[in-house]
Amino acid sequence: MLGAVLVVVCALAFGVTAVRVDPRTAVLAVARPLPAGHALTDADLMVVQIVPDAAISTVAETHRSTVVGRTLRLPLAANSLLSDTLLGPAAWPPAGQSVIAVSLKPGRAPAGVAAGVQVLVMVVPASSGNAGAPAGQVEQAEAAVVSAAPADTSGTTVVSLLMTSANAVRIAGASGDAVLVVQGRAG
């Protein structure tokens, strides 16, 4: 009987100690996707519990007031952990690259195109009336989708694309209808 009581007491002691010795710490993360240059508000932030790791830079929840009002250097996805290296003057887009907006008519992009997807953007000139042949050269460039807005009432979607600055100027200056192609990558 004494052995059973001792086991129960030890189990309770272990349970209480395990609850009190939580290795996790409260840090800040962003609650929604945010663009580079965005000034953080209290509503943009959420608290998450993580087990600290020296390789991961974070901002403790207790420093919340020091980050509100500061700007983001890079765009961040929802639930991204916040770190001091992400705060400061916008550093987006990277040097030598540009972000352009492309308007896509219905059916000109695969369903589900979202941020991070690598695409080939093509601008196809209007047909010349000669058996549907294009009136000029098709311009194309590789890009990464930064964001895709929901389609408007006409079905048109605006997609922001990251690409080299030279390609951005060429694609933005081309006349015709833009088309996005998602290509498989050899890997």
Protein backbone atom coordinates (compact mmCIF):
# COMPACT_ATOMS: atom_id res chain seq x y z
CA MET A 1 0.00 0.00 0.00
CA LEU A 2 2.80 2.39 0.89
CA GLY A 3 4.43 1.66 -2.51
CA ALA A 4 1.22 2.59 -4.38
CA VAL A 5 0.91 5.87 -2.45
CA LEU A 6 4.56 6.66 -3.19
CA VAL A 7 4.01 6.03 -6.93
CA VAL A 8 0.96 8.36 -6.98
CA VAL A 9 2.82 11.11 -5.08
CA CYS A 10 5.81 10.86 -7.43
CA ALA A 11 3.55 10.96 -10.50
CA LEU A 12 1.82 14.09 -9.20
CA ALA A 13 5.15 15.75 -8.41
CA PHE A 14 6.44 14.95 -11.91
CA GLY A 15 3.25 16.34 -13.49
CA VAL A 16 3.42 19.61 -11.57
CA THR A 17 7.12 20.03 -12.36
CA ALA A 18 6.59 19.29 -16.08
CA VAL A 19 3.89 21.94 -16.30
CA ARG A 20 6.05 24.56 -14.58
CA VAL A 21 9.22 23.81 -16.61
CA ASP A 22 8.01 24.72 -20.09
CA PRO A 23 10.97 25.25 -22.46
CA ARG A 24 8.92 27.42 -24.81
CA THR A 25 9.15 31.18 -24.98
CA ALA A 26 6.70 33.80 -26.28
CA VAL A 27 7.84 35.57 -29.47
CA LEU A 28 6.24 37.81 -32.09
CA ALA A 29 5.02 36.71 -35.51
CA VAL A 30 2.99 38.54 -38.17
CA ALA A 31 -0.70 37.69 -38.25
CA ARG A 32 -1.26 38.27 -41.98
CA PRO A 33 0.75 38.77 -45.17
CA LEU A 34 2.50 42.16 -45.13
CA PRO A 35 4.36 44.03 -47.89
CA ALA A 36 7.85 45.48 -47.66
CA GLY A 37 7.81 49.01 -46.28
CA HIS A 38 4.68 48.37 -44.19
CA ALA A 39 4.69 50.13 -40.81
CA LEU A 40 3.78 47.52 -38.21
CA THR A 41 0.69 48.04 -36.08
CA ASP A 42 -0.33 46.16 -32.98
CA ALA A 43 -3.02 44.38 -35.04
CA ASP A 44 -0.32 43.03 -37.43
CA LEU A 45 1.36 41.10 -34.61
CA MET A 46 0.54 37.89 -32.81
CA VAL A 47 2.29 35.93 -30.07
CA VAL A 48 3.48 32.37 -30.67
CA GLN A 49 5.24 29.94 -28.36
CA ILE A 50 8.46 28.36 -29.63
CA VAL A 51 11.37 26.44 -28.21
CA PRO A 52 14.31 28.86 -28.56
CA ASP A 53 17.11 27.98 -30.95
CA ALA A 54 20.32 29.99 -31.31
CA ALA A 55 20.06 29.67 -35.10
CA ILE A 56 16.68 31.43 -35.19
CA SER A 57 16.53 35.16 -34.58
CA THR A 58 13.26 36.29 -32.97
CA VAL A 59 11.72 39.23 -31.13
CA ALA A 60 10.43 38.46 -27.65
CA GLU A 61 6.81 39.30 -26.89
CA THR A 62 8.04 41.68 -24.19
CA HIS A 63 9.55 43.90 -26.93
CA ARG A 64 6.22 44.36 -28.74
CA SER A 65 6.13 48.13 -28.08
CA THR A 66 9.58 48.58 -29.65
CA VAL A 67 8.54 47.09 -33.01
CA VAL A 68 5.13 48.76 -33.43
CA GLY A 69 5.60 51.62 -35.91
CA ARG A 70 8.79 50.19 -37.46
CA THR A 71 8.78 49.20 -41.14
CA LEU A 72 9.44 45.85 -42.77
CA ARG A 73 12.49 45.45 -45.01
CA LEU A 74 10.93 42.52 -46.92
CA PRO A 75 7.42 41.21 -47.59
CA LEU A 76 6.38 38.62 -45.00
CA ALA A 77 3.92 35.73 -45.21
CA ALA A 78 1.33 35.23 -42.48
CA ASN A 79 2.72 33.45 -39.40
CA SER A 80 6.34 34.46 -40.17
CA LEU A 81 8.46 34.93 -37.06
CA LEU A 82 9.60 38.51 -36.59
CA SER A 83 13.30 39.33 -36.16
CA ASP A 84 15.26 42.58 -35.91
CA THR A 85 16.91 41.84 -39.28
CA LEU A 86 13.48 42.13 -40.96
CA LEU A 87 12.91 45.63 -39.61
CA GLY A 88 14.22 48.81 -41.22
CA PRO A 89 14.07 50.59 -44.56
CA ALA A 90 12.49 48.53 -47.33
CA ALA A 91 15.01 46.39 -49.22
CA TRP A 92 12.51 45.07 -51.70
CA PRO A 93 12.72 44.30 -54.51
CA PRO A 94 16.31 43.07 -54.46
CA ALA A 95 18.92 44.99 -56.47
CA GLY A 96 18.64 44.28 -60.19
CA GLN A 97 15.05 43.08 -59.93
CA SER A 98 11.68 44.77 -60.25
CA VAL A 99 8.07 44.02 -59.36
CA ILE A 100 5.48 44.71 -62.05
CA ALA A 101 1.72 44.30 -62.15
CA VAL A 102 0.22 42.30 -64.98
CA SER A 103 -3.49 42.34 -65.77
CA LEU A 104 -4.78 38.93 -66.82
CA LYS A 105 -8.04 38.29 -68.63
CA PRO A 106 -10.12 35.27 -67.57
CA GLY A 107 -8.47 31.99 -68.57
CA ARG A 108 -4.99 33.51 -68.97
CA ALA A 109 -3.46 31.92 -65.85
CA PRO A 110 -3.70 28.45 -64.31
CA ALA A 111 -6.05 28.15 -61.34
CA GLY A 112 -4.41 28.56 -57.96
CA VAL A 113 -1.50 30.74 -59.05
CA ALA A 114 -0.27 32.17 -55.75
CA ALA A 115 2.74 33.90 -54.21
CA GLY A 116 5.99 31.98 -54.69
CA VAL A 117 5.00 30.15 -57.88
CA GLN A 118 7.57 30.37 -60.67
CA VAL A 119 5.97 31.29 -64.00
CA LEU A 120 6.75 32.18 -67.58
CA VAL A 121 4.92 35.41 -68.43
CA MET A 122 4.15 35.89 -72.10
CA VAL A 123 2.65 38.96 -73.78
CA VAL A 124 0.89 37.90 -76.96
CA PRO A 125 0.11 40.73 -79.42
CA ALA A 126 -3.41 41.07 -80.78
CA SER A 127 -4.03 39.09 -83.96
CA SER A 128 -3.46 40.84 -87.27
CA GLY A 129 -6.71 39.56 -88.73
CA ASN A 130 -4.63 37.29 -90.96
CA ALA A 131 -5.98 33.86 -89.95
CA GLY A 132 -5.47 34.75 -86.27
CA ALA A 133 -1.70 35.24 -86.63
CA PRO A 134 -0.14 37.52 -84.01
CA ALA A 135 0.54 41.10 -85.22
CA GLY A 136 3.99 41.20 -83.63
CA GLN A 137 6.57 39.38 -81.56
CA VAL A 138 5.59 37.45 -78.42
CA GLU A 139 7.55 38.78 -75.43
CA GLN A 140 8.32 36.36 -72.60
CA ALA A 141 10.28 36.25 -69.35
CA GLU A 142 10.63 34.09 -66.26
CA ALA A 143 9.17 35.53 -63.05
CA ALA A 144 8.02 34.68 -59.54
CA VAL A 145 4.50 35.52 -58.41
CA VAL A 146 4.58 38.01 -55.53
CA SER A 147 0.80 38.25 -55.13
CA ALA A 148 -2.41 37.62 -57.02
CA ALA A 149 -5.49 39.74 -56.35
CA PRO A 150 -8.92 38.13 -56.53
CA ALA A 151 -10.62 38.56 -59.90
CA ASP A 152 -12.75 41.68 -60.29
CA THR A 153 -16.34 41.67 -61.57
CA SER A 154 -15.14 41.32 -65.18
CA GLY A 155 -12.98 38.31 -64.28
CA THR A 156 -9.72 40.23 -64.66
CA THR A 157 -6.97 39.35 -62.19
CA VAL A 158 -3.96 41.52 -61.35
CA VAL A 159 -0.80 39.58 -60.54
CA SER A 160 2.40 41.15 -59.18
CA LEU A 161 5.54 39.53 -60.60
CA LEU A 162 9.19 39.69 -59.54
CA MET A 163 11.70 39.49 -62.42
CA THR A 164 14.95 41.01 -63.59
CA SER A 165 14.68 44.76 -64.17
CA ALA A 166 15.50 44.41 -67.87
CA ASN A 167 12.74 41.84 -68.35
CA ALA A 168 10.30 43.97 -66.34
CA VAL A 169 10.83 46.96 -68.64
CA ARG A 170 10.45 44.76 -71.72
CA ILE A 171 7.29 43.01 -70.49
CA ALA A 172 5.70 46.21 -69.15
CA GLY A 173 6.31 47.91 -72.52
CA ALA A 174 4.88 45.09 -74.62
CA SER A 175 1.39 45.43 -76.07
CA GLY A 176 -1.02 42.55 -76.10
CA ASP A 177 -2.58 40.10 -73.68
CA ALA A 178 -0.50 38.68 -70.84
CA VAL A 179 -0.54 34.93 -70.18
CA LEU A 180 1.06 33.05 -67.29
CA VAL A 181 2.47 29.56 -67.76
CA VAL A 182 3.51 27.40 -64.83
CA GLN A 183 6.31 25.11 -65.99
CA GLY A 184 7.63 22.01 -64.26
CA ARG A 185 11.23 22.19 -63.14
CA ALA A 186 13.76 19.42 -63.59
CA GLY A 187 14.99 18.48 -60.22
